[in-house]
Amino acid sequence: IYSLEVCREFAQKEGRIKVIPHEHVGIAMIKNAAMEYIDTEYTASADGDDYVEPDYLMHLMTAIEKYHADLAISRVQYELENGHIEGSFRSRGELLIQKEDFKDKLPMLLDDRRLNYIYAKVYRSSILKDIRVEDDVKQGMDTMINFMVLSRANSIVLIDDLDYHYIRYTKRSITSYQGEDAYQRILRINRFVEDRSKSMGVLTDEIIRIIDSRILQSAVWVI
């Protein structure tokens, strides 16, 4: 309730802010519902416990408009809750990836884990707005969204700005691999990536290797 009150206070001060209360029904259903309210040319997202640099959106918007791309992706820095820096997305410079290059560049995007999340990105709303995932998805929803976007996108631009700071909480990272269905949840994500890659005609031996490696790593984590 307190968070809702804070959001409403911001909305009263800034007319562009919309507060949409919703009962707790799971992350997939919440994000699906949020898609209904997109009414802008571009869409960006951020997790509530992360933080961004002041020019975060400006850097992404400059790139997506410069190249007329459908998706812009910035770098991410990973930090522990105590402030310790764990690492960041590899620097690739400013890189435009056209649709005809997806087959060659997708392994890089997978290795860098740039398609794992919907934060640190600006999307062209026209290719994002009607995308939905199944309501029972508990893990990997962002990856599924990104691969559905990828199947519609004509180009992606990577920027080198390290503007998004992702906060990792030790307890949460452990519990995400608990539960009897933990391995099945992770397997579902990777099979989705494989199926989407195949339908786009970009499934290569290298991508299969990356997917198999992720599944094996996930099995070790679960055990």
Protein backbone atom coordinates (compact mmCIF):
# COMPACT_ATOMS: atom_id res chain seq x y z
CA ILE A 1 0.00 0.00 0.00
CA TYR A 2 2.81 2.40 0.88
CA SER A 3 4.44 2.04 -2.55
CA LEU A 4 1.08 2.72 -4.21
CA GLU A 5 0.68 5.91 -2.17
CA VAL A 6 4.15 7.08 -3.19
CA CYS A 7 3.36 6.44 -6.86
CA ARG A 8 0.12 8.37 -6.58
CA GLU A 9 1.94 11.31 -5.03
CA PHE A 10 4.31 11.41 -8.02
CA ALA A 11 1.37 11.20 -10.40
CA GLN A 12 -0.25 14.21 -8.76
CA LYS A 13 2.92 16.24 -9.31
CA GLU A 14 3.62 15.01 -12.86
CA GLY A 15 0.72 14.59 -15.27
CA ARG A 16 2.59 12.22 -17.56
CA ILE A 17 2.73 9.55 -14.85
CA LYS A 18 -0.06 6.98 -14.84
CA VAL A 19 -0.62 4.74 -11.83
CA ILE A 20 -2.36 1.45 -12.60
CA PRO A 21 -3.21 -0.55 -9.45
CA HIS A 22 -3.45 -4.30 -9.95
CA GLU A 23 -3.90 -7.28 -7.68
CA HIS A 24 -0.95 -9.62 -7.28
CA VAL A 25 -1.41 -12.25 -9.98
CA GLY A 26 2.14 -13.07 -11.04
CA ILE A 27 4.72 -11.19 -13.10
CA ALA A 28 3.59 -12.52 -16.50
CA MET A 29 0.00 -11.40 -16.08
CA ILE A 30 1.11 -8.02 -14.72
CA LYS A 31 3.42 -7.34 -17.66
CA ASN A 32 0.81 -8.54 -20.13
CA ALA A 33 -1.66 -6.10 -18.56
CA ALA A 34 0.87 -3.27 -18.69
CA MET A 35 1.23 -3.70 -22.46
CA GLU A 36 -2.38 -2.55 -22.84
CA TYR A 37 -1.44 0.95 -21.68
CA ILE A 38 1.40 1.63 -24.12
CA ASP A 39 0.47 4.73 -26.12
CA THR A 40 3.86 6.21 -27.00
CA GLU A 41 6.13 5.74 -30.01
CA TYR A 42 8.84 4.19 -27.86
CA THR A 43 8.80 2.08 -24.70
CA ALA A 44 11.41 1.61 -21.97
CA SER A 45 11.41 -0.37 -18.74
CA ALA A 46 13.36 -0.48 -15.47
CA ASP A 47 13.23 -2.68 -12.38
CA GLY A 48 12.11 -0.86 -9.24
CA ASP A 49 15.23 -1.64 -7.22
CA ASP A 50 17.77 -0.72 -9.92
CA TYR A 51 19.03 2.75 -10.79
CA VAL A 52 20.07 4.53 -13.99
CA GLU A 53 22.35 7.39 -14.97
CA PRO A 54 20.69 10.76 -15.73
CA ASP A 55 21.31 10.46 -19.50
CA TYR A 56 20.20 6.81 -19.72
CA LEU A 57 17.14 7.40 -21.91
CA MET A 58 18.72 10.21 -23.90
CA HIS A 59 21.58 7.94 -25.00
CA LEU A 60 19.18 5.16 -26.03
CA MET A 61 16.79 7.52 -27.82
CA THR A 62 19.62 9.23 -29.69
CA ALA A 63 20.81 5.87 -31.02
CA ILE A 64 17.41 4.44 -31.96
CA GLU A 65 16.47 7.60 -33.87
CA LYS A 66 19.91 7.98 -35.46
CA TYR A 67 19.69 4.53 -37.06
CA HIS A 68 15.88 4.28 -37.31
CA ALA A 69 16.25 1.01 -35.38
CA ASP A 70 13.48 -0.98 -33.72
CA LEU A 71 15.46 -1.71 -30.57
CA ALA A 72 18.33 0.05 -28.77
CA ILE A 73 20.34 -1.72 -26.08
CA SER A 74 22.73 -0.13 -23.59
CA ARG A 75 25.30 -1.79 -21.37
CA VAL A 76 24.47 -2.97 -17.84
CA GLN A 77 26.60 -2.91 -14.72
CA TYR A 78 25.88 -5.58 -12.09
CA GLU A 79 26.22 -4.59 -8.46
CA LEU A 80 25.60 -6.37 -5.17
CA GLU A 81 23.37 -4.77 -2.57
CA ASN A 82 26.48 -3.73 -0.61
CA GLY A 83 27.74 -1.69 -3.57
CA HIS A 84 30.34 -4.20 -4.76
CA ILE A 85 30.60 -4.22 -8.57
CA GLU A 86 30.42 -7.74 -10.01
CA GLY A 87 30.84 -6.93 -13.69
CA SER A 88 29.14 -5.49 -16.73
CA PHE A 89 28.10 -6.16 -20.32
CA ARG A 90 31.12 -6.36 -22.59
CA SER A 91 31.97 -3.22 -24.51
CA ARG A 92 31.03 -3.56 -28.19
CA GLY A 93 31.15 0.10 -29.15
CA GLU A 94 28.22 1.53 -31.08
CA LEU A 95 27.03 -1.29 -33.30
CA LEU A 96 24.12 -1.47 -35.73
CA ILE A 97 22.82 -4.97 -36.46
CA GLN A 98 20.56 -5.28 -39.50
CA LYS A 99 18.07 -8.12 -39.92
CA GLU A 100 20.28 -9.88 -42.46
CA ASP A 101 23.04 -9.94 -39.81
CA PHE A 102 20.92 -11.48 -37.03
CA LYS A 103 22.14 -15.00 -37.85
CA ASP A 104 25.78 -14.00 -37.39
CA LYS A 105 25.29 -11.67 -34.42
CA LEU A 106 22.72 -13.59 -32.35
CA PRO A 107 25.38 -15.79 -30.68
CA MET A 108 27.13 -12.63 -29.49
CA LEU A 109 23.88 -11.23 -28.08
CA LEU A 110 23.21 -14.53 -26.31
CA ASP A 111 26.75 -14.79 -24.93
CA ASP A 112 26.53 -11.22 -23.64
CA ARG A 113 23.06 -12.01 -22.18
CA ARG A 114 21.74 -8.80 -23.75
CA LEU A 115 18.44 -10.50 -24.60
CA ASN A 116 17.79 -11.86 -21.11
CA TYR A 117 15.98 -8.77 -19.85
CA ILE A 118 13.76 -5.95 -21.06
CA TYR A 119 15.55 -3.28 -19.06
CA ALA A 120 18.45 -1.24 -20.51
CA LYS A 121 16.50 -1.03 -23.76
CA VAL A 122 14.23 1.23 -25.77
CA TYR A 123 11.72 -0.52 -28.04
CA ARG A 124 9.73 0.81 -30.94
CA SER A 125 6.26 0.38 -29.45
CA SER A 126 4.64 -0.76 -32.70
CA ILE A 127 6.52 -4.09 -32.53
CA LEU A 128 6.11 -4.52 -28.78
CA LYS A 129 2.57 -3.47 -27.93
CA ASP A 130 0.63 -6.64 -28.83
CA ILE A 131 3.27 -9.13 -27.65
CA ARG A 132 2.06 -11.46 -24.90
CA VAL A 133 3.48 -14.47 -23.09
CA GLU A 134 1.53 -17.26 -21.45
CA ASP A 135 0.19 -16.31 -18.02
CA ASP A 136 1.83 -19.26 -16.28
CA VAL A 137 5.37 -18.20 -17.18
CA LYS A 138 7.27 -17.74 -13.91
CA GLN A 139 10.78 -17.24 -15.22
CA GLY A 140 12.38 -15.98 -18.41
CA MET A 141 9.48 -13.79 -19.51
CA ASP A 142 11.83 -11.01 -20.62
CA THR A 143 13.83 -13.41 -22.79
CA MET A 144 10.64 -14.60 -24.47
CA ILE A 145 9.52 -11.02 -25.11
CA ASN A 146 12.87 -10.13 -26.66
CA PHE A 147 12.82 -13.09 -29.02
CA MET A 148 9.31 -12.22 -30.14
CA VAL A 149 10.52 -8.65 -30.72
CA LEU A 150 13.55 -9.98 -32.59
CA SER A 151 11.30 -11.87 -35.00
CA ARG A 152 9.63 -8.56 -35.93
CA ALA A 153 12.58 -6.17 -35.80
CA ASN A 154 14.49 -4.97 -38.84
CA SER A 155 17.47 -3.63 -36.92
CA ILE A 156 19.02 -3.38 -33.47
CA VAL A 157 21.58 -0.88 -32.23
CA LEU A 158 23.97 -1.47 -29.34
CA ILE A 159 25.42 1.51 -27.52
CA ASP A 160 28.50 1.60 -25.32
CA ASP A 161 27.08 3.75 -22.53
CA LEU A 162 27.15 2.04 -19.13
CA ASP A 163 23.97 3.69 -17.89
CA TYR A 164 21.93 0.92 -16.24
CA HIS A 165 22.86 -0.44 -12.81
CA TYR A 166 21.33 -3.80 -11.90
CA ILE A 167 21.27 -4.62 -8.18
CA ARG A 168 21.71 -8.30 -7.34
CA TYR A 169 20.32 -9.57 -4.05
CA THR A 170 22.03 -12.72 -2.81
CA LYS A 171 18.94 -14.32 -1.25
CA ARG A 172 16.78 -13.71 -4.31
CA SER A 173 19.38 -15.12 -6.69
CA ILE A 174 19.46 -18.35 -4.67
CA THR A 175 15.70 -18.81 -4.34
CA SER A 176 15.17 -18.32 -8.09
CA TYR A 177 16.60 -21.81 -8.56
CA GLN A 178 14.52 -23.49 -5.88
CA GLY A 179 11.32 -25.47 -6.26
CA GLU A 180 10.45 -28.80 -7.81
CA ASP A 181 9.81 -27.19 -11.19
CA ALA A 182 12.96 -25.03 -11.24
CA TYR A 183 14.75 -27.04 -13.92
CA GLN A 184 11.60 -27.28 -16.06
CA ARG A 185 11.13 -23.50 -15.87
CA ILE A 186 14.67 -22.90 -17.09
CA LEU A 187 14.38 -25.60 -19.75
CA ARG A 188 11.20 -23.94 -21.03
CA ILE A 189 13.03 -20.64 -21.60
CA ASN A 190 15.85 -22.24 -23.54
CA ARG A 191 13.54 -24.35 -25.68
CA PHE A 192 11.60 -21.19 -26.50
CA VAL A 193 14.85 -19.52 -27.63
CA GLU A 194 15.66 -22.55 -29.78
CA ASP A 195 12.19 -22.69 -31.35
CA ARG A 196 12.11 -18.96 -32.09
CA SER A 197 15.61 -19.02 -33.56
CA LYS A 198 14.59 -21.91 -35.80
CA SER A 199 11.40 -20.16 -36.96
CA MET A 200 13.43 -17.04 -37.83
CA GLY A 201 15.91 -19.11 -39.80
CA VAL A 202 18.84 -18.08 -37.60
CA LEU A 203 19.40 -21.32 -35.63
CA THR A 204 23.04 -22.33 -36.03
CA ASP A 205 25.33 -24.89 -34.38
CA GLU A 206 26.82 -22.06 -32.32
CA ILE A 207 23.42 -21.04 -30.97
CA ILE A 208 22.59 -24.67 -30.15
CA ARG A 209 25.92 -24.90 -28.30
CA ILE A 210 25.07 -21.80 -26.25
CA ILE A 211 21.57 -23.12 -25.44
CA ASP A 212 22.92 -26.53 -24.40
CA SER A 213 25.55 -24.84 -22.23
CA ARG A 214 22.86 -22.76 -20.50
CA ILE A 215 20.71 -25.81 -19.84
CA LEU A 216 23.66 -27.70 -18.35
CA GLN A 217 24.65 -24.73 -16.21
CA SER A 218 21.07 -24.36 -15.01
CA ALA A 219 20.92 -28.03 -14.05
CA VAL A 220 24.06 -27.60 -11.94
CA TRP A 221 22.55 -24.51 -10.24
CA VAL A 222 19.34 -26.36 -9.45
CA ILE A 223 21.21 -29.35 -8.02
